[in-house]
């Protein structure tokens, strides 16, 4: 399922686009890694742990590059070898398909053993 979602491209969201309903969120959640958490129905959050600070920063840079390519930018928090990624669609103050597309693409960037 992740592969299928990761093949899609993020589409620009306008302010009049409604955020995902809880039903839509429930439909898309199984398509991404179980490690992503839905937070208050407004965002997706996942924390990645790396072997070193340098690996964590390489991951952050790769996510930043992906975000620029997709035009959909996550919030990133870095704490030594941990990176927390939060995805939400700021323009609509909630979740959209773009957040799940980004989560799927990020899932594919992570080796089994980070």
PDB file of N, CA and C in Angstrom:
ATOM      1  N   UNK A   1       0.819  -1.200   0.000  1.00  0.00           N
ATOM      2  CA  UNK A   1       0.000   0.000   0.000  1.00  0.00           C
ATOM      3  C   UNK A   1       0.866   1.268   0.000  1.00  0.00           C
ATOM      4  N   UNK A   2       1.957   1.248   0.780  1.00  0.00           N
ATOM      5  CA  UNK A   2       2.842   2.405   0.825  1.00  0.00           C
ATOM      6  C   UNK A   2       3.373   2.721  -0.562  1.00  0.00           C
ATOM      7  N   UNK A   3       3.784   1.680  -1.298  1.00  0.00           N
ATOM      8  CA  UNK A   3       4.342   1.878  -2.634  1.00  0.00           C
ATOM      9  C   UNK A   3       3.345   2.590  -3.539  1.00  0.00           C
ATOM     10  N   UNK A   4       2.095   2.156  -3.480  1.00  0.00           N
ATOM     11  CA  UNK A   4       1.045   2.737  -4.327  1.00  0.00           C
ATOM     12  C   UNK A   4       0.857   4.226  -4.017  1.00  0.00           C
ATOM     13  N   UNK A   5       0.782   4.562  -2.759  1.00  0.00           N
ATOM     14  CA  UNK A   5       0.601   5.957  -2.345  1.00  0.00           C
ATOM     15  C   UNK A   5       1.840   6.790  -2.679  1.00  0.00           C
ATOM     16  N   UNK A   6       3.009   6.185  -2.537  1.00  0.00           N
ATOM     17  CA  UNK A   6       4.262   6.894  -2.793  1.00  0.00           C
ATOM     18  C   UNK A   6       4.446   7.248  -4.271  1.00  0.00           C
ATOM     19  N   UNK A   7       3.704   6.618  -5.156  1.00  0.00           N
ATOM     20  CA  UNK A   7       3.797   6.921  -6.584  1.00  0.00           C
ATOM     21  C   UNK A   7       3.056   8.206  -6.941  1.00  0.00           C
ATOM     22  N   UNK A   8       2.202   8.671  -6.047  1.00  0.00           N
ATOM     23  CA  UNK A   8       1.403   9.874  -6.311  1.00  0.00           C
ATOM     24  C   UNK A   8       2.216  11.134  -6.036  1.00  0.00           C
ATOM     25  N   UNK A   9       1.754  12.235  -6.571  1.00  0.00           N
ATOM     26  CA  UNK A   9       2.400  13.543  -6.378  1.00  0.00           C
ATOM     27  C   UNK A   9       1.476  14.424  -5.551  1.00  0.00           C
ATOM     28  N   UNK A  10       2.044  15.160  -4.621  1.00  0.00           N
ATOM     29  CA  UNK A  10       1.252  16.099  -3.830  1.00  0.00           C
ATOM     30  C   UNK A  10       0.661  17.164  -4.749  1.00  0.00           C
ATOM     31  N   UNK A  11      -0.573  17.530  -4.472  1.00  0.00           N
ATOM     32  CA  UNK A  11      -1.269  18.557  -5.254  1.00  0.00           C
ATOM     33  C   UNK A  11      -1.478  19.791  -4.377  1.00  0.00           C
ATOM     34  N   UNK A  12      -1.356  20.991  -4.961  1.00  0.00           N
ATOM     35  CA  UNK A  12      -1.574  22.195  -4.168  1.00  0.00           C
ATOM     36  C   UNK A  12      -2.977  22.200  -3.545  1.00  0.00           C
ATOM     37  N   UNK A  13      -3.021  22.602  -2.290  1.00  0.00           N
ATOM     38  CA  UNK A  13      -4.291  22.663  -1.558  1.00  0.00           C
ATOM     39  C   UNK A  13      -4.684  24.133  -1.403  1.00  0.00           C
ATOM     40  N   UNK A  14      -5.950  24.399  -1.594  1.00  0.00           N
ATOM     41  CA  UNK A  14      -6.449  25.755  -1.382  1.00  0.00           C
ATOM     42  C   UNK A  14      -7.123  25.811  -0.017  1.00  0.00           C
ATOM     43  N   UNK A  15      -7.277  27.000   0.500  1.00  0.00           N
ATOM     44  CA  UNK A  15      -7.906  27.181   1.800  1.00  0.00           C
ATOM     45  C   UNK A  15      -9.338  26.704   1.865  1.00  0.00           C
ATOM     46  N   UNK A  16     -10.019  26.594   0.713  1.00  0.00           N
ATOM     47  CA  UNK A  16     -11.411  26.150   0.727  1.00  0.00           C
ATOM     48  C   UNK A  16     -11.539  24.623   0.616  1.00  0.00           C
ATOM     49  N   UNK A  17     -10.409  23.929   0.518  1.00  0.00           N
ATOM     50  CA  UNK A  17     -10.423  22.470   0.507  1.00  0.00           C
ATOM     51  C   UNK A  17     -10.676  21.995   1.938  1.00  0.00           C
ATOM     52  N   UNK A  18     -11.662  21.140   2.157  1.00  0.00           N
ATOM     53  CA  UNK A  18     -11.903  20.677   3.523  1.00  0.00           C
ATOM     54  C   UNK A  18     -10.840  19.684   3.977  1.00  0.00           C
ATOM     55  N   UNK A  19     -10.475  19.714   5.266  1.00  0.00           N
ATOM     56  CA  UNK A  19      -9.551  18.702   5.770  1.00  0.00           C
ATOM     57  C   UNK A  19     -10.227  17.332   5.776  1.00  0.00           C
ATOM     58  N   UNK A  20      -9.410  16.298   5.852  1.00  0.00           N
ATOM     59  CA  UNK A  20      -9.943  14.934   5.905  1.00  0.00           C
ATOM     60  C   UNK A  20     -10.902  14.771   7.080  1.00  0.00           C
ATOM     61  N   UNK A  21     -11.940  14.019   6.843  1.00  0.00           N
ATOM     62  CA  UNK A  21     -12.837  13.604   7.923  1.00  0.00           C
ATOM     63  C   UNK A  21     -12.164  12.447   8.662  1.00  0.00           C
ATOM     64  N   UNK A  22     -12.714  12.064   9.792  1.00  0.00           N
ATOM     65  CA  UNK A  22     -12.154  10.920  10.521  1.00  0.00           C
ATOM     66  C   UNK A  22     -12.267   9.646   9.686  1.00  0.00           C
ATOM     67  N   UNK A  23     -13.304   9.542   8.860  1.00  0.00           N
ATOM     68  CA  UNK A  23     -13.468   8.370   7.995  1.00  0.00           C
ATOM     69  C   UNK A  23     -12.374   8.327   6.927  1.00  0.00           C
ATOM     70  N   UNK A  24     -12.070   9.467   6.325  1.00  0.00           N
ATOM     71  CA  UNK A  24     -11.011   9.515   5.314  1.00  0.00           C
ATOM     72  C   UNK A  24      -9.655   9.201   5.945  1.00  0.00           C
ATOM     73  N   UNK A  25      -9.428   9.740   7.125  1.00  0.00           N
ATOM     74  CA  UNK A  25      -8.176   9.463   7.834  1.00  0.00           C
ATOM     75  C   UNK A  25      -8.056   7.970   8.115  1.00  0.00           C
ATOM     76  N   UNK A  26      -9.137   7.355   8.561  1.00  0.00           N
ATOM     77  CA  UNK A  26      -9.140   5.911   8.842  1.00  0.00           C
ATOM     78  C   UNK A  26      -8.906   5.094   7.573  1.00  0.00           C
ATOM     79  N   UNK A  27      -9.373   5.588   6.442  1.00  0.00           N
ATOM     80  CA  UNK A  27      -9.167   4.896   5.165  1.00  0.00           C
ATOM     81  C   UNK A  27      -7.705   4.943   4.727  1.00  0.00           C
ATOM     82  N   UNK A  28      -7.037   6.075   4.947  1.00  0.00           N
ATOM     83  CA  UNK A  28      -5.662   6.254   4.480  1.00  0.00           C
ATOM     84  C   UNK A  28      -4.609   5.743   5.463  1.00  0.00           C
ATOM     85  N   UNK A  29      -4.908   5.718   6.748  1.00  0.00           N
ATOM     86  CA  UNK A  29      -3.921   5.332   7.756  1.00  0.00           C
ATOM     87  C   UNK A  29      -3.310   3.956   7.512  1.00  0.00           C
ATOM     88  N   UNK A  30      -4.060   2.935   7.118  1.00  0.00           N
ATOM     89  CA  UNK A  30      -3.436   1.626   6.868  1.00  0.00           C
ATOM     90  C   UNK A  30      -2.477   1.613   5.679  1.00  0.00           C
ATOM     91  N   UNK A  31      -2.462   2.662   4.885  1.00  0.00           N
ATOM     92  CA  UNK A  31      -1.602   2.711   3.698  1.00  0.00           C
ATOM     93  C   UNK A  31      -0.182   3.173   4.006  1.00  0.00           C
ATOM     94  N   UNK A  32       0.061   3.587   5.254  1.00  0.00           N
ATOM     95  CA  UNK A  32       1.391   4.045   5.666  1.00  0.00           C
ATOM     96  C   UNK A  32       1.874   3.179   6.825  1.00  0.00           C
ATOM     97  N   UNK A  33       3.124   3.331   7.198  1.00  0.00           N
ATOM     98  CA  UNK A  33       3.695   2.558   8.295  1.00  0.00           C
ATOM     99  C   UNK A  33       2.879   2.732   9.569  1.00  0.00           C
ATOM    100  N   UNK A  34       2.778   1.659  10.336  1.00  0.00           N
ATOM    101  CA  UNK A  34       2.058   1.722  11.615  1.00  0.00           C
ATOM    102  C   UNK A  34       2.747   2.625  12.624  1.00  0.00           C
ATOM    103  N   UNK A  35       3.967   3.015  12.330  1.00  0.00           N
ATOM    104  CA  UNK A  35       4.700   3.876  13.252  1.00  0.00           C
ATOM    105  C   UNK A  35       4.242   5.338  13.206  1.00  0.00           C
ATOM    106  N   UNK A  36       3.490   5.695  12.183  1.00  0.00           N
ATOM    107  CA  UNK A  36       2.921   7.043  12.130  1.00  0.00           C
ATOM    108  C   UNK A  36       1.736   7.103  13.083  1.00  0.00           C
ATOM    109  N   UNK A  37       1.656   8.171  13.850  1.00  0.00           N
ATOM    110  CA  UNK A  37       0.531   8.384  14.753  1.00  0.00           C
ATOM    111  C   UNK A  37      -0.329   9.509  14.205  1.00  0.00           C
ATOM    112  N   UNK A  38      -1.632   9.339  14.293  1.00  0.00           N
ATOM    113  CA  UNK A  38      -2.553  10.432  13.972  1.00  0.00           C
ATOM    114  C   UNK A  38      -2.747  11.204  15.270  1.00  0.00           C
ATOM    115  N   UNK A  39      -2.421  12.491  15.246  1.00  0.00           N
ATOM    116  CA  UNK A  39      -2.479  13.323  16.444  1.00  0.00           C
ATOM    117  C   UNK A  39      -3.691  14.248  16.359  1.00  0.00           C
ATOM    118  N   UNK A  40      -4.646  14.027  17.228  1.00  0.00           N
ATOM    119  CA  UNK A  40      -5.867  14.832  17.325  1.00  0.00           C
ATOM    120  C   UNK A  40      -6.585  14.998  15.990  1.00  0.00           C
ATOM    121  N   UNK A  41      -6.392  14.060  15.089  1.00  0.00           N
ATOM    122  CA  UNK A  41      -7.033  14.118  13.786  1.00  0.00           C
ATOM    123  C   UNK A  41      -6.522  15.238  12.899  1.00  0.00           C
ATOM    124  N   UNK A  42      -5.440  15.917  13.345  1.00  0.00           N
ATOM    125  CA  UNK A  42      -4.944  17.090  12.627  1.00  0.00           C
ATOM    126  C   UNK A  42      -3.599  16.895  11.943  1.00  0.00           C
ATOM    127  N   UNK A  43      -2.822  15.920  12.415  1.00  0.00           N
ATOM    128  CA  UNK A  43      -1.490  15.738  11.837  1.00  0.00           C
ATOM    129  C   UNK A  43      -1.020  14.311  12.031  1.00  0.00           C
ATOM    130  N   UNK A  44      -0.003  13.959  11.253  1.00  0.00           N
ATOM    131  CA  UNK A  44       0.686  12.680  11.373  1.00  0.00           C
ATOM    132  C   UNK A  44       2.029  12.939  12.030  1.00  0.00           C
ATOM    133  N   UNK A  45       2.437  12.054  12.934  1.00  0.00           N
ATOM    134  CA  UNK A  45       3.726  12.222  13.622  1.00  0.00           C
ATOM    135  C   UNK A  45       4.447  10.877  13.671  1.00  0.00           C
ATOM    136  N   UNK A  46       5.743  10.934  13.397  1.00  0.00           N
ATOM    137  CA  UNK A  46       6.593   9.752  13.540  1.00  0.00           C
ATOM    138  C   UNK A  46       7.978  10.192  13.968  1.00  0.00           C
ATOM    139  N   UNK A  47       8.549   9.462  14.910  1.00  0.00           N
ATOM    140  CA  UNK A  47       9.913   9.733  15.360  1.00  0.00           C
ATOM    141  C   UNK A  47      10.825   8.632  14.843  1.00  0.00           C
ATOM    142  N   UNK A  48      11.920   9.055  14.249  1.00  0.00           N
ATOM    143  CA  UNK A  48      12.932   8.155  13.696  1.00  0.00           C
ATOM    144  C   UNK A  48      14.171   8.231  14.573  1.00  0.00           C
ATOM    145  N   UNK A  49      14.752   7.094  14.885  1.00  0.00           N
ATOM    146  CA  UNK A  49      15.985   7.068  15.676  1.00  0.00           C
ATOM    147  C   UNK A  49      17.104   6.540  14.791  1.00  0.00           C
ATOM    148  N   UNK A  50      18.207   7.279  14.756  1.00  0.00           N
ATOM    149  CA  UNK A  50      19.347   6.936  13.918  1.00  0.00           C
ATOM    150  C   UNK A  50      20.547   6.579  14.778  1.00  0.00           C
ATOM    151  N   UNK A  51      21.542   5.954  14.181  1.00  0.00           N
ATOM    152  CA  UNK A  51      22.738   5.541  14.930  1.00  0.00           C
ATOM    153  C   UNK A  51      23.623   6.714  15.323  1.00  0.00           C
ATOM    154  N   UNK A  52      23.504   7.825  14.606  1.00  0.00           N
ATOM    155  CA  UNK A  52      24.382   8.963  14.892  1.00  0.00           C
ATOM    156  C   UNK A  52      23.696  10.264  14.493  1.00  0.00           C
ATOM    157  N   UNK A  53      24.261  11.341  14.969  1.00  0.00           N
ATOM    158  CA  UNK A  53      23.782  12.675  14.598  1.00  0.00           C
ATOM    159  C   UNK A  53      23.902  12.888  13.092  1.00  0.00           C
ATOM    160  N   UNK A  54      25.012  12.457  12.523  1.00  0.00           N
ATOM    161  CA  UNK A  54      25.235  12.646  11.083  1.00  0.00           C
ATOM    162  C   UNK A  54      24.180  11.923  10.253  1.00  0.00           C
ATOM    163  N   UNK A  55      23.823  10.703  10.640  1.00  0.00           N
ATOM    164  CA  UNK A  55      22.767   9.981   9.909  1.00  0.00           C
ATOM    165  C   UNK A  55      21.421  10.684  10.063  1.00  0.00           C
ATOM    166  N   UNK A  56      21.174  11.183  11.254  1.00  0.00           N
ATOM    167  CA  UNK A  56      19.920  11.919  11.480  1.00  0.00           C
ATOM    168  C   UNK A  56      19.863  13.151  10.582  1.00  0.00           C
ATOM    169  N   UNK A  57      20.964  13.874  10.481  1.00  0.00           N
ATOM    170  CA  UNK A  57      20.992  15.078   9.655  1.00  0.00           C
ATOM    171  C   UNK A  57      20.898  14.742   8.165  1.00  0.00           C
ATOM    172  N   UNK A  58      21.479  13.640   7.758  1.00  0.00           N
ATOM    173  CA  UNK A  58      21.346  13.208   6.361  1.00  0.00           C
ATOM    174  C   UNK A  58      19.884  12.918   6.038  1.00  0.00           C
ATOM    175  N   UNK A  59      19.195  12.282   6.973  1.00  0.00           N
ATOM    176  CA  UNK A  59      17.773  11.998   6.796  1.00  0.00           C
ATOM    177  C   UNK A  59      16.979  13.301   6.702  1.00  0.00           C
ATOM    178  N   UNK A  60      17.267  14.257   7.580  1.00  0.00           N
ATOM    179  CA  UNK A  60      16.578  15.551   7.551  1.00  0.00           C
ATOM    180  C   UNK A  60      16.779  16.227   6.199  1.00  0.00           C
ATOM    181  N   UNK A  61      17.993  16.205   5.700  1.00  0.00           N
ATOM    182  CA  UNK A  61      18.261  16.823   4.399  1.00  0.00           C
ATOM    183  C   UNK A  61      17.514  16.113   3.270  1.00  0.00           C
ATOM    184  N   UNK A  62      17.419  14.791   3.355  1.00  0.00           N
ATOM    185  CA  UNK A  62      16.678  14.044   2.333  1.00  0.00           C
ATOM    186  C   UNK A  62      15.189  14.379   2.400  1.00  0.00           C
ATOM    187  N   UNK A  63      14.644  14.496   3.604  1.00  0.00           N
ATOM    188  CA  UNK A  63      13.232  14.871   3.763  1.00  0.00           C
ATOM    189  C   UNK A  63      13.017  16.293   3.237  1.00  0.00           C
ATOM    190  N   UNK A  64      13.950  17.194   3.519  1.00  0.00           N
ATOM    191  CA  UNK A  64      13.838  18.572   3.028  1.00  0.00           C
ATOM    192  C   UNK A  64      13.832  18.612   1.499  1.00  0.00           C
ATOM    193  N   UNK A  65      14.682  17.817   0.875  1.00  0.00           N
ATOM    194  CA  UNK A  65      14.722  17.756  -0.584  1.00  0.00           C
ATOM    195  C   UNK A  65      13.398  17.224  -1.134  1.00  0.00           C
ATOM    196  N   UNK A  66      12.897  16.146  -0.527  1.00  0.00           N
ATOM    197  CA  UNK A  66      11.611  15.581  -0.932  1.00  0.00           C
ATOM    198  C   UNK A  66      10.495  16.622  -0.784  1.00  0.00           C
ATOM    199  N   UNK A  67      10.502  17.341   0.321  1.00  0.00           N
ATOM    200  CA  UNK A  67       9.471  18.351   0.571  1.00  0.00           C
ATOM    201  C   UNK A  67       9.489  19.431  -0.508  1.00  0.00           C
ATOM    202  N   UNK A  68      10.663  19.831  -0.917  1.00  0.00           N
ATOM    203  CA  UNK A  68      10.768  20.829  -1.981  1.00  0.00           C
ATOM    204  C   UNK A  68      10.241  20.271  -3.304  1.00  0.00           C
ATOM    205  N   UNK A  69      10.559  19.012  -3.586  1.00  0.00           N
ATOM    206  CA  UNK A  69      10.078  18.378  -4.815  1.00  0.00           C
ATOM    207  C   UNK A  69       8.550  18.272  -4.837  1.00  0.00           C
ATOM    208  N   UNK A  70       7.972  17.983  -3.687  1.00  0.00           N
ATOM    209  CA  UNK A  70       6.527  17.767  -3.587  1.00  0.00           C
ATOM    210  C   UNK A  70       5.750  19.052  -3.300  1.00  0.00           C
ATOM    211  N   UNK A  71       6.431  20.097  -2.856  1.00  0.00           N
ATOM    212  CA  UNK A  71       5.740  21.330  -2.487  1.00  0.00           C
ATOM    213  C   UNK A  71       4.883  21.151  -1.240  1.00  0.00           C
ATOM    214  N   UNK A  72       5.303  20.251  -0.361  1.00  0.00           N
ATOM    215  CA  UNK A  72       4.555  19.976   0.868  1.00  0.00           C
ATOM    216  C   UNK A  72       5.575  19.786   1.990  1.00  0.00           C
ATOM    217  N   UNK A  73       5.597  20.710   2.945  1.00  0.00           N
ATOM    218  CA  UNK A  73       6.699  20.801   3.897  1.00  0.00           C
ATOM    219  C   UNK A  73       6.291  20.371   5.307  1.00  0.00           C
ATOM    220  N   UNK A  74       7.005  19.395   5.860  1.00  0.00           N
ATOM    221  CA  UNK A  74       6.710  18.935   7.215  1.00  0.00           C
ATOM    222  C   UNK A  74       7.360  19.833   8.259  1.00  0.00           C
ATOM    223  N   UNK A  75       6.926  19.657   9.486  1.00  0.00           N
ATOM    224  CA  UNK A  75       7.630  20.235  10.627  1.00  0.00           C
ATOM    225  C   UNK A  75       8.616  19.170  11.084  1.00  0.00           C
ATOM    226  N   UNK A  76       9.851  19.581  11.325  1.00  0.00           N
ATOM    227  CA  UNK A  76      10.909  18.660  11.726  1.00  0.00           C
ATOM    228  C   UNK A  76      11.502  19.101  13.049  1.00  0.00           C
ATOM    229  N   UNK A  77      11.701  18.158  13.954  1.00  0.00           N
ATOM    230  CA  UNK A  77      12.369  18.433  15.227  1.00  0.00           C
ATOM    231  C   UNK A  77      13.533  17.462  15.348  1.00  0.00           C
ATOM    232  N   UNK A  78      14.715  17.999  15.660  1.00  0.00           N
ATOM    233  CA  UNK A  78      15.932  17.197  15.726  1.00  0.00           C
ATOM    234  C   UNK A  78      16.465  17.220  17.152  1.00  0.00           C
ATOM    235  N   UNK A  79      16.756  16.047  17.670  1.00  0.00           N
ATOM    236  CA  UNK A  79      17.368  15.932  18.995  1.00  0.00           C
ATOM    237  C   UNK A  79      18.436  14.850  18.905  1.00  0.00           C
ATOM    238  N   UNK A  80      19.661  15.264  18.675  1.00  0.00           N
ATOM    239  CA  UNK A  80      20.828  14.416  18.465  1.00  0.00           C
ATOM    240  C   UNK A  80      20.559  13.365  17.395  1.00  0.00           C
ATOM    241  N   UNK A  81      20.194  12.138  17.780  1.00  0.00           N
ATOM    242  CA  UNK A  81      20.010  11.094  16.774  1.00  0.00           C
ATOM    243  C   UNK A  81      18.535  10.756  16.546  1.00  0.00           C
ATOM    244  N   UNK A  82      17.651  11.612  17.000  1.00  0.00           N
ATOM    245  CA  UNK A  82      16.214  11.417  16.802  1.00  0.00           C
ATOM    246  C   UNK A  82      15.656  12.561  15.953  1.00  0.00           C
ATOM    247  N   UNK A  83      14.790  12.184  15.030  1.00  0.00           N
ATOM    248  CA  UNK A  83      14.124  13.179  14.191  1.00  0.00           C
ATOM    249  C   UNK A  83      12.626  12.896  14.263  1.00  0.00           C
ATOM    250  N   UNK A  84      11.867  13.908  14.660  1.00  0.00           N
ATOM    251  CA  UNK A  84      10.413  13.786  14.669  1.00  0.00           C
ATOM    252  C   UNK A  84       9.871  14.564  13.487  1.00  0.00           C
ATOM    253  N   UNK A  85       9.062  13.874  12.698  1.00  0.00           N
ATOM    254  CA  UNK A  85       8.442  14.466  11.512  1.00  0.00           C
ATOM    255  C   UNK A  85       6.955  14.610  11.793  1.00  0.00           C
ATOM    256  N   UNK A  86       6.434  15.811  11.572  1.00  0.00           N
ATOM    257  CA  UNK A  86       5.000  16.045  11.678  1.00  0.00           C
ATOM    258  C   UNK A  86       4.497  16.560  10.341  1.00  0.00           C
ATOM    259  N   UNK A  87       3.443  15.931   9.880  1.00  0.00           N
ATOM    260  CA  UNK A  87       2.836  16.303   8.594  1.00  0.00           C
ATOM    261  C   UNK A  87       1.414  16.790   8.836  1.00  0.00           C
ATOM    262  N   UNK A  88       1.120  17.954   8.313  1.00  0.00           N
ATOM    263  CA  UNK A  88      -0.225  18.500   8.322  1.00  0.00           C
ATOM    264  C   UNK A  88      -0.323  19.432   7.128  1.00  0.00           C
ATOM    265  N   UNK A  89      -1.522  19.678   6.675  1.00  0.00           N
ATOM    266  CA  UNK A  89      -1.696  20.618   5.571  1.00  0.00           C
ATOM    267  C   UNK A  89      -2.074  21.960   6.183  1.00  0.00           C
ATOM    268  N   UNK A  90      -1.078  22.828   6.265  1.00  0.00           N
ATOM    269  CA  UNK A  90      -1.251  24.103   6.965  1.00  0.00           C
ATOM    270  C   UNK A  90      -2.386  24.950   6.387  1.00  0.00           C
ATOM    271  N   UNK A  91      -2.551  24.930   5.072  1.00  0.00           N
ATOM    272  CA  UNK A  91      -3.558  25.780   4.426  1.00  0.00           C
ATOM    273  C   UNK A  91      -4.976  25.440   4.862  1.00  0.00           C
ATOM    274  N   UNK A  92      -5.198  24.190   5.266  1.00  0.00           N
ATOM    275  CA  UNK A  92      -6.557  23.782   5.656  1.00  0.00           C
ATOM    276  C   UNK A  92      -6.641  23.395   7.130  1.00  0.00           C
ATOM    277  N   UNK A  93      -5.533  23.547   7.850  1.00  0.00           N
ATOM    278  CA  UNK A  93      -5.497  23.264   9.293  1.00  0.00           C
ATOM    279  C   UNK A  93      -5.947  21.848   9.620  1.00  0.00           C
ATOM    280  N   UNK A  94      -5.424  20.882   8.870  1.00  0.00           N
ATOM    281  CA  UNK A  94      -5.775  19.488   9.111  1.00  0.00           C
ATOM    282  C   UNK A  94      -5.081  18.574   8.127  1.00  0.00           C
ATOM    283  N   UNK A  95      -5.527  17.344   8.084  1.00  0.00           N
ATOM    284  CA  UNK A  95      -4.927  16.345   7.206  1.00  0.00           C
ATOM    285  C   UNK A  95      -5.539  16.368   5.810  1.00  0.00           C
ATOM    286  N   UNK A  96      -4.693  16.049   4.830  1.00  0.00           N
ATOM    287  CA  UNK A  96      -5.140  15.884   3.453  1.00  0.00           C
ATOM    288  C   UNK A  96      -4.404  14.687   2.864  1.00  0.00           C
ATOM    289  N   UNK A  97      -4.751  14.331   1.662  1.00  0.00           N
ATOM    290  CA  UNK A  97      -4.071  13.230   0.987  1.00  0.00           C
ATOM    291  C   UNK A  97      -2.575  13.502   0.873  1.00  0.00           C
ATOM    292  N   UNK A  98      -2.192  14.760   0.726  1.00  0.00           N
ATOM    293  CA  UNK A  98      -0.776  15.117   0.617  1.00  0.00           C
ATOM    294  C   UNK A  98       0.036  14.634   1.817  1.00  0.00           C
ATOM    295  N   UNK A  99      -0.544  14.701   3.006  1.00  0.00           N
ATOM    296  CA  UNK A  99       0.177  14.267   4.205  1.00  0.00           C
ATOM    297  C   UNK A  99       0.470  12.771   4.149  1.00  0.00           C
ATOM    298  N   UNK A 100      -0.488  12.009   3.659  1.00  0.00           N
ATOM    299  CA  UNK A 100      -0.299  10.570   3.546  1.00  0.00           C
ATOM    300  C   UNK A 100       0.661  10.217   2.409  1.00  0.00           C
ATOM    301  N   UNK A 101       0.636  10.986   1.339  1.00  0.00           N
ATOM    302  CA  UNK A 101       1.593  10.789   0.247  1.00  0.00           C
ATOM    303  C   UNK A 101       3.011  11.015   0.767  1.00  0.00           C
ATOM    304  N   UNK A 102       3.205  12.104   1.495  1.00  0.00           N
ATOM    305  CA  UNK A 102       4.531  12.395   2.053  1.00  0.00           C
ATOM    306  C   UNK A 102       4.963  11.317   3.046  1.00  0.00           C
ATOM    307  N   UNK A 103       4.049  10.876   3.895  1.00  0.00           N
ATOM    308  CA  UNK A 103       4.384   9.818   4.863  1.00  0.00           C
ATOM    309  C   UNK A 103       4.825   8.558   4.131  1.00  0.00           C
ATOM    310  N   UNK A 104       4.123   8.193   3.076  1.00  0.00           N
ATOM    311  CA  UNK A 104       4.477   7.001   2.299  1.00  0.00           C
ATOM    312  C   UNK A 104       5.854   7.157   1.652  1.00  0.00           C
ATOM    313  N   UNK A 105       6.126   8.327   1.106  1.00  0.00           N
ATOM    314  CA  UNK A 105       7.426   8.568   0.480  1.00  0.00           C
ATOM    315  C   UNK A 105       8.547   8.536   1.521  1.00  0.00           C
ATOM    316  N   UNK A 106       8.294   9.097   2.693  1.00  0.00           N
ATOM    317  CA  UNK A 106       9.291   9.068   3.769  1.00  0.00           C
ATOM    318  C   UNK A 106       9.501   7.632   4.240  1.00  0.00           C
ATOM    319  N   UNK A 107       8.425   6.851   4.338  1.00  0.00           N
ATOM    320  CA  UNK A 107       8.555   5.440   4.713  1.00  0.00           C
ATOM    321  C   UNK A 107       9.544   4.719   3.812  1.00  0.00           C
ATOM    322  N   UNK A 108       9.501   5.003   2.531  1.00  0.00           N
ATOM    323  CA  UNK A 108      10.391   4.329   1.576  1.00  0.00           C
ATOM    324  C   UNK A 108      11.841   4.785   1.685  1.00  0.00           C
ATOM    325  N   UNK A 109      12.069   5.913   2.341  1.00  0.00           N
ATOM    326  CA  UNK A 109      13.431   6.435   2.502  1.00  0.00           C
ATOM    327  C   UNK A 109      14.163   5.773   3.662  1.00  0.00           C
ATOM    328  N   UNK A 110      13.438   5.083   4.519  1.00  0.00           N
ATOM    329  CA  UNK A 110      14.014   4.569   5.751  1.00  0.00           C
ATOM    330  C   UNK A 110      14.375   3.093   5.593  1.00  0.00           C
ATOM    331  N   UNK A 111      15.643   2.767   5.795  1.00  0.00           N
ATOM    332  CA  UNK A 111      16.013   1.347   5.750  1.00  0.00           C
ATOM    333  C   UNK A 111      15.398   0.617   6.938  1.00  0.00           C
ATOM    334  N   UNK A 112      15.329  -0.691   6.861  1.00  0.00           N
ATOM    335  CA  UNK A 112      14.747  -1.478   7.958  1.00  0.00           C
ATOM    336  C   UNK A 112      15.458  -1.206   9.273  1.00  0.00           C
ATOM    337  N   UNK A 113      16.778  -1.084   9.229  1.00  0.00           N
ATOM    338  CA  UNK A 113      17.565  -0.762  10.425  1.00  0.00           C
ATOM    339  C   UNK A 113      18.126   0.634  10.252  1.00  0.00           C
ATOM    340  N   UNK A 114      17.497   1.589  10.926  1.00  0.00           N
ATOM    341  CA  UNK A 114      17.983   2.966  10.853  1.00  0.00           C
ATOM    342  C   UNK A 114      19.166   3.101  11.770  1.00  0.00           C
TER     343      UNK A 114
END
